[in-house]
Amino acid sequence: MLIPIFLALRSVPSFFFRVEVKEKETFLYVKPHFFRKMISFLKLHTLTQVAQFVDLTVIDHPSSVRRFTLVYSFLSFTWNFRVHLVFSISEMEMVPSLVDLYPSASWAEREAFDMFGVFFSNHPDLRRILTDYGFRGFPLRKDFPLTGYLEVRFDDEQKRVLYEPIELSQELRVFDFNSPWGPRKG
């Protein structure tokens, strides 16, 4: 039942640059500066009626100029289809918040901010949601160290929580991939 969305998209060719259909789901690759207009269009147009925000996914490409790829997923109950809006931004770009259109987007945007450092303009409460108050860095970025930057522990003598730099030495590990049960048989 993807025909209604394609009929509706004929009226806005400048908002996106590519459309893909994979397993009955539509992926619209939009230009970042038209993202908000495209969402409003999909929500209000009679042939789309995208009423439900489902999820926000962030993909990190640290070596790319446009480091983050954002994938917004939406659902149309009226026409029974899913649509995903995909666009890429640089590390310093801000994304317009969708909280005023879809209040359920608040948590997902706060999570993307906390884990990846993606900033959302006009978000009513953009603060960390999954990490500690004094946490530095963004743990789901690919350049974030596996062990983090700080170690948190409670000191019984001082009766307070201490943040200390991590002192781990990671030695070269050698893996033996030979099976102790002998070679595999056919």
C-alpha atoms as a PDB file:
ATOM      1  CA  MET A   1       0.000   0.000   0.000  1.00  0.00           C
ATOM      2  CA  LEU A   2       2.827   2.406  -0.855  1.00  0.00           C
ATOM      3  CA  ILE A   3       0.994   4.110  -3.709  1.00  0.00           C
ATOM      4  CA  PRO A   4      -0.413   7.003  -1.589  1.00  0.00           C
ATOM      5  CA  ILE A   5       3.019   8.104  -0.390  1.00  0.00           C
ATOM      6  CA  PHE A   6       4.418   8.140  -3.921  1.00  0.00           C
ATOM      7  CA  LEU A   7       1.475  10.201  -5.148  1.00  0.00           C
ATOM      8  CA  ALA A   8       2.027  12.670  -2.318  1.00  0.00           C
ATOM      9  CA  LEU A   9       5.803  12.882  -2.894  1.00  0.00           C
ATOM     10  CA  ARG A  10       5.319  14.003  -6.496  1.00  0.00           C
ATOM     11  CA  SER A  11       4.371  17.444  -5.168  1.00  0.00           C
ATOM     12  CA  VAL A  12       7.629  17.986  -3.187  1.00  0.00           C
ATOM     13  CA  PRO A  13      10.542  16.846  -5.374  1.00  0.00           C
ATOM     14  CA  SER A  14      13.038  19.350  -3.932  1.00  0.00           C
ATOM     15  CA  PHE A  15      12.796  18.111  -0.326  1.00  0.00           C
ATOM     16  CA  PHE A  16      14.524  14.791  -0.942  1.00  0.00           C
ATOM     17  CA  PHE A  17      17.102  13.410  -3.341  1.00  0.00           C
ATOM     18  CA  ARG A  18      16.518   9.646  -3.236  1.00  0.00           C
ATOM     19  CA  VAL A  19      13.723   7.201  -2.428  1.00  0.00           C
ATOM     20  CA  GLU A  20      14.242   3.507  -1.705  1.00  0.00           C
ATOM     21  CA  VAL A  21      11.738   0.799  -0.909  1.00  0.00           C
ATOM     22  CA  LYS A  22      13.083  -2.158   1.040  1.00  0.00           C
ATOM     23  CA  GLU A  23      10.750  -4.889   2.266  1.00  0.00           C
ATOM     24  CA  LYS A  24       7.647  -2.668   2.103  1.00  0.00           C
ATOM     25  CA  GLU A  25       9.309   0.193   3.993  1.00  0.00           C
ATOM     26  CA  THR A  26      10.080   3.524   2.358  1.00  0.00           C
ATOM     27  CA  PHE A  27      13.384   5.301   2.923  1.00  0.00           C
ATOM     28  CA  LEU A  28      13.468   8.987   1.994  1.00  0.00           C
ATOM     29  CA  TYR A  29      16.940  10.508   1.815  1.00  0.00           C
ATOM     30  CA  VAL A  30      16.254  14.159   2.537  1.00  0.00           C
ATOM     31  CA  LYS A  31      18.372  17.273   2.460  1.00  0.00           C
ATOM     32  CA  PRO A  32      19.089  18.307   6.073  1.00  0.00           C
ATOM     33  CA  HIS A  33      17.744  21.846   5.707  1.00  0.00           C
ATOM     34  CA  PHE A  34      14.406  20.480   4.361  1.00  0.00           C
ATOM     35  CA  PHE A  35      14.044  17.851   7.096  1.00  0.00           C
ATOM     36  CA  ARG A  36      11.528  19.761   9.213  1.00  0.00           C
ATOM     37  CA  LYS A  37       9.436  20.774   6.190  1.00  0.00           C
ATOM     38  CA  MET A  38       9.363  17.177   4.981  1.00  0.00           C
ATOM     39  CA  ILE A  39       8.139  15.929   8.367  1.00  0.00           C
ATOM     40  CA  SER A  40       5.391  18.544   8.468  1.00  0.00           C
ATOM     41  CA  PHE A  41       4.369  17.600   4.939  1.00  0.00           C
ATOM     42  CA  LEU A  42       4.220  13.880   5.751  1.00  0.00           C
ATOM     43  CA  LYS A  43       2.211  14.509   8.892  1.00  0.00           C
ATOM     44  CA  LEU A  44      -0.373  16.826   7.342  1.00  0.00           C
ATOM     45  CA  HIS A  45      -0.814  15.506   3.792  1.00  0.00           C
ATOM     46  CA  THR A  46      -3.997  13.470   3.266  1.00  0.00           C
ATOM     47  CA  LEU A  47      -2.172  10.768   1.283  1.00  0.00           C
ATOM     48  CA  THR A  48       0.448  10.144   3.967  1.00  0.00           C
ATOM     49  CA  GLN A  49      -0.934  11.078   7.430  1.00  0.00           C
ATOM     50  CA  VAL A  50       2.213  10.002   9.266  1.00  0.00           C
ATOM     51  CA  ALA A  51       0.795  10.134  12.774  1.00  0.00           C
ATOM     52  CA  GLN A  52       3.314   8.219  14.891  1.00  0.00           C
ATOM     53  CA  PHE A  53       6.980   8.872  15.607  1.00  0.00           C
ATOM     54  CA  VAL A  54       8.573   5.451  16.157  1.00  0.00           C
ATOM     55  CA  ASP A  55      12.310   5.833  16.624  1.00  0.00           C
ATOM     56  CA  LEU A  56      15.461   7.837  16.018  1.00  0.00           C
ATOM     57  CA  THR A  57      18.705   6.078  15.150  1.00  0.00           C
ATOM     58  CA  VAL A  58      22.122   7.728  14.884  1.00  0.00           C
ATOM     59  CA  ILE A  59      24.975   6.183  12.895  1.00  0.00           C
ATOM     60  CA  ASP A  60      28.495   7.453  13.505  1.00  0.00           C
ATOM     61  CA  HIS A  61      30.975   7.784  10.624  1.00  0.00           C
ATOM     62  CA  PRO A  62      34.003   9.404  12.331  1.00  0.00           C
ATOM     63  CA  SER A  63      36.098   9.783   9.180  1.00  0.00           C
ATOM     64  CA  SER A  64      33.333  11.462   7.170  1.00  0.00           C
ATOM     65  CA  VAL A  65      32.768  15.223   6.918  1.00  0.00           C
ATOM     66  CA  ARG A  66      29.099  14.608   7.664  1.00  0.00           C
ATOM     67  CA  ARG A  67      29.824  12.458  10.684  1.00  0.00           C
ATOM     68  CA  PHE A  68      26.327  11.497  11.802  1.00  0.00           C
ATOM     69  CA  THR A  69      23.572   9.873   9.792  1.00  0.00           C
ATOM     70  CA  LEU A  70      20.171  10.230  11.435  1.00  0.00           C
ATOM     71  CA  VAL A  71      17.339   7.856  10.613  1.00  0.00           C
ATOM     72  CA  TYR A  72      13.885   8.905  11.801  1.00  0.00           C
ATOM     73  CA  SER A  73      11.179   6.228  11.638  1.00  0.00           C
ATOM     74  CA  PHE A  74       7.480   7.052  11.357  1.00  0.00           C
ATOM     75  CA  LEU A  75       4.237   5.141  10.973  1.00  0.00           C
ATOM     76  CA  SER A  76       1.023   5.964   9.149  1.00  0.00           C
ATOM     77  CA  PHE A  77      -1.935   4.171  10.702  1.00  0.00           C
ATOM     78  CA  THR A  78      -4.351   5.389   8.033  1.00  0.00           C
ATOM     79  CA  TRP A  79      -2.381   4.055   5.078  1.00  0.00           C
ATOM     80  CA  ASN A  80      -0.540   1.263   6.937  1.00  0.00           C
ATOM     81  CA  PHE A  81       3.052   2.023   5.949  1.00  0.00           C
ATOM     82  CA  ARG A  82       6.329   2.955   7.573  1.00  0.00           C
ATOM     83  CA  VAL A  83       8.579   5.716   6.332  1.00  0.00           C
ATOM     84  CA  HIS A  84      12.156   6.432   7.346  1.00  0.00           C
ATOM     85  CA  LEU A  85      13.726   9.849   6.805  1.00  0.00           C
ATOM     86  CA  VAL A  86      17.502   9.655   6.424  1.00  0.00           C
ATOM     87  CA  PHE A  87      19.957  12.543   6.354  1.00  0.00           C
ATOM     88  CA  SER A  88      23.536  13.281   7.382  1.00  0.00           C
ATOM     89  CA  ILE A  89      24.932  16.160   9.408  1.00  0.00           C
ATOM     90  CA  SER A  90      28.360  17.286  10.524  1.00  0.00           C
ATOM     91  CA  GLU A  91      29.466  17.160  14.136  1.00  0.00           C
ATOM     92  CA  MET A  92      28.692  20.838  14.774  1.00  0.00           C
ATOM     93  CA  GLU A  93      25.311  21.076  12.992  1.00  0.00           C
ATOM     94  CA  MET A  94      22.060  21.332  14.926  1.00  0.00           C
ATOM     95  CA  VAL A  95      18.953  19.366  14.024  1.00  0.00           C
ATOM     96  CA  PRO A  96      15.517  20.945  14.498  1.00  0.00           C
ATOM     97  CA  SER A  97      13.613  19.232  17.288  1.00  0.00           C
ATOM     98  CA  LEU A  98      10.369  17.412  16.521  1.00  0.00           C
ATOM     99  CA  VAL A  99       8.981  17.577  20.057  1.00  0.00           C
ATOM    100  CA  ASP A 100       6.322  20.129  19.099  1.00  0.00           C
ATOM    101  CA  LEU A 101       5.059  17.857  16.271  1.00  0.00           C
ATOM    102  CA  TYR A 102       5.644  14.512  17.996  1.00  0.00           C
ATOM    103  CA  PRO A 103       5.974  14.774  21.815  1.00  0.00           C
ATOM    104  CA  SER A 104       7.221  11.164  21.934  1.00  0.00           C
ATOM    105  CA  ALA A 105      10.395  12.289  20.118  1.00  0.00           C
ATOM    106  CA  SER A 106      11.670  13.980  23.282  1.00  0.00           C
ATOM    107  CA  TRP A 107      13.226  10.869  24.816  1.00  0.00           C
ATOM    108  CA  ALA A 108      14.856   9.750  21.553  1.00  0.00           C
ATOM    109  CA  GLU A 109      16.354  13.197  20.947  1.00  0.00           C
ATOM    110  CA  ARG A 110      17.708  13.386  24.498  1.00  0.00           C
ATOM    111  CA  GLU A 111      19.210   9.924  24.083  1.00  0.00           C
ATOM    112  CA  ALA A 112      20.870  10.934  20.790  1.00  0.00           C
ATOM    113  CA  PHE A 113      22.263  14.032  22.498  1.00  0.00           C
ATOM    114  CA  ASP A 114      23.545  12.078  25.495  1.00  0.00           C
ATOM    115  CA  MET A 115      25.081   9.157  23.623  1.00  0.00           C
ATOM    116  CA  PHE A 116      26.362  10.845  20.421  1.00  0.00           C
ATOM    117  CA  GLY A 117      26.422  14.601  21.101  1.00  0.00           C
ATOM    118  CA  VAL A 118      23.861  15.489  18.427  1.00  0.00           C
ATOM    119  CA  PHE A 119      22.309  18.852  19.315  1.00  0.00           C
ATOM    120  CA  PHE A 120      18.626  19.607  18.712  1.00  0.00           C
ATOM    121  CA  SER A 121      17.471  23.199  18.380  1.00  0.00           C
ATOM    122  CA  ASN A 122      14.264  24.244  20.189  1.00  0.00           C
ATOM    123  CA  HIS A 123      14.187  21.120  22.324  1.00  0.00           C
ATOM    124  CA  PRO A 124      12.407  21.983  25.610  1.00  0.00           C
ATOM    125  CA  ASP A 125      14.648  19.863  27.872  1.00  0.00           C
ATOM    126  CA  LEU A 126      17.905  18.856  26.173  1.00  0.00           C
ATOM    127  CA  ARG A 127      20.024  17.388  28.959  1.00  0.00           C
ATOM    128  CA  ARG A 128      21.693  14.088  29.690  1.00  0.00           C
ATOM    129  CA  ILE A 129      19.330  11.236  30.305  1.00  0.00           C
ATOM    130  CA  LEU A 130      21.392   8.016  30.490  1.00  0.00           C
ATOM    131  CA  THR A 131      24.801   9.099  31.796  1.00  0.00           C
ATOM    132  CA  ASP A 132      25.860  10.703  35.058  1.00  0.00           C
ATOM    133  CA  TYR A 133      25.682  14.472  35.615  1.00  0.00           C
ATOM    134  CA  GLY A 134      29.436  15.044  35.454  1.00  0.00           C
ATOM    135  CA  PHE A 135      30.019  12.642  32.567  1.00  0.00           C
ATOM    136  CA  ARG A 136      32.318  13.948  29.845  1.00  0.00           C
ATOM    137  CA  GLY A 137      32.189  12.705  26.281  1.00  0.00           C
ATOM    138  CA  PHE A 138      29.654  10.757  24.295  1.00  0.00           C
ATOM    139  CA  PRO A 139      29.909   6.978  24.856  1.00  0.00           C
ATOM    140  CA  LEU A 140      28.423   5.699  21.581  1.00  0.00           C
ATOM    141  CA  ARG A 141      30.782   7.644  19.354  1.00  0.00           C
ATOM    142  CA  LYS A 142      33.259   5.335  17.694  1.00  0.00           C
ATOM    143  CA  ASP A 143      36.227   7.405  18.889  1.00  0.00           C
ATOM    144  CA  PHE A 144      35.191   7.124  22.556  1.00  0.00           C
ATOM    145  CA  PRO A 145      37.653   4.861  24.428  1.00  0.00           C
ATOM    146  CA  LEU A 146      36.296   1.474  25.466  1.00  0.00           C
ATOM    147  CA  THR A 147      37.229   2.058  29.081  1.00  0.00           C
ATOM    148  CA  GLY A 148      36.030   5.668  29.227  1.00  0.00           C
ATOM    149  CA  TYR A 149      37.967   8.597  30.618  1.00  0.00           C
ATOM    150  CA  LEU A 150      37.143   8.440  34.324  1.00  0.00           C
ATOM    151  CA  GLU A 151      36.688   5.790  36.967  1.00  0.00           C
ATOM    152  CA  VAL A 152      33.916   6.310  39.505  1.00  0.00           C
ATOM    153  CA  ARG A 153      34.177   4.816  42.973  1.00  0.00           C
ATOM    154  CA  PHE A 154      32.916   5.469  46.490  1.00  0.00           C
ATOM    155  CA  ASP A 155      35.614   6.231  49.066  1.00  0.00           C
ATOM    156  CA  ASP A 156      34.685   4.930  52.540  1.00  0.00           C
ATOM    157  CA  GLU A 157      37.149   7.213  54.311  1.00  0.00           C
ATOM    158  CA  GLN A 158      35.972  10.421  52.636  1.00  0.00           C
ATOM    159  CA  LYS A 159      32.345   9.214  52.439  1.00  0.00           C
ATOM    160  CA  ARG A 160      31.874  10.542  48.915  1.00  0.00           C
ATOM    161  CA  VAL A 161      31.988   9.514  45.281  1.00  0.00           C
ATOM    162  CA  LEU A 162      35.352  10.092  43.588  1.00  0.00           C
ATOM    163  CA  TYR A 163      36.059  10.567  39.906  1.00  0.00           C
ATOM    164  CA  GLU A 164      39.598   9.551  38.984  1.00  0.00           C
ATOM    165  CA  PRO A 165      41.416   9.120  35.679  1.00  0.00           C
ATOM    166  CA  ILE A 166      41.485   5.517  34.534  1.00  0.00           C
ATOM    167  CA  GLU A 167      44.804   3.752  34.916  1.00  0.00           C
ATOM    168  CA  LEU A 168      44.562   0.605  32.823  1.00  0.00           C
ATOM    169  CA  SER A 169      47.333  -0.938  30.850  1.00  0.00           C
ATOM    170  CA  GLN A 170      46.031  -2.911  27.953  1.00  0.00           C
ATOM    171  CA  GLU A 171      48.626  -5.397  26.906  1.00  0.00           C
ATOM    172  CA  LEU A 172      48.789  -6.983  23.506  1.00  0.00           C
ATOM    173  CA  ARG A 173      46.486  -9.963  23.463  1.00  0.00           C
ATOM    174  CA  VAL A 174      47.255 -13.025  21.380  1.00  0.00           C
ATOM    175  CA  PHE A 175      44.340 -15.224  20.430  1.00  0.00           C
ATOM    176  CA  ASP A 176      44.755 -18.903  19.674  1.00  0.00           C
ATOM    177  CA  PHE A 177      42.010 -19.864  17.254  1.00  0.00           C
ATOM    178  CA  ASN A 178      42.922 -23.557  17.156  1.00  0.00           C
ATOM    179  CA  SER A 179      40.264 -25.740  18.638  1.00  0.00           C
ATOM    180  CA  PRO A 180      41.314 -27.910  21.597  1.00  0.00           C
ATOM    181  CA  TRP A 181      39.082 -30.662  20.178  1.00  0.00           C
ATOM    182  CA  GLY A 182      41.025 -30.978  16.926  1.00  0.00           C
ATOM    183  CA  PRO A 183      40.145 -29.966  13.376  1.00  0.00           C
ATOM    184  CA  ARG A 184      36.506 -29.751  12.262  1.00  0.00           C
ATOM    185  CA  LYS A 185      35.256 -32.593  10.163  1.00  0.00           C
ATOM    186  CA  GLY A 186      33.296 -31.907   7.118  1.00  0.00           C
END
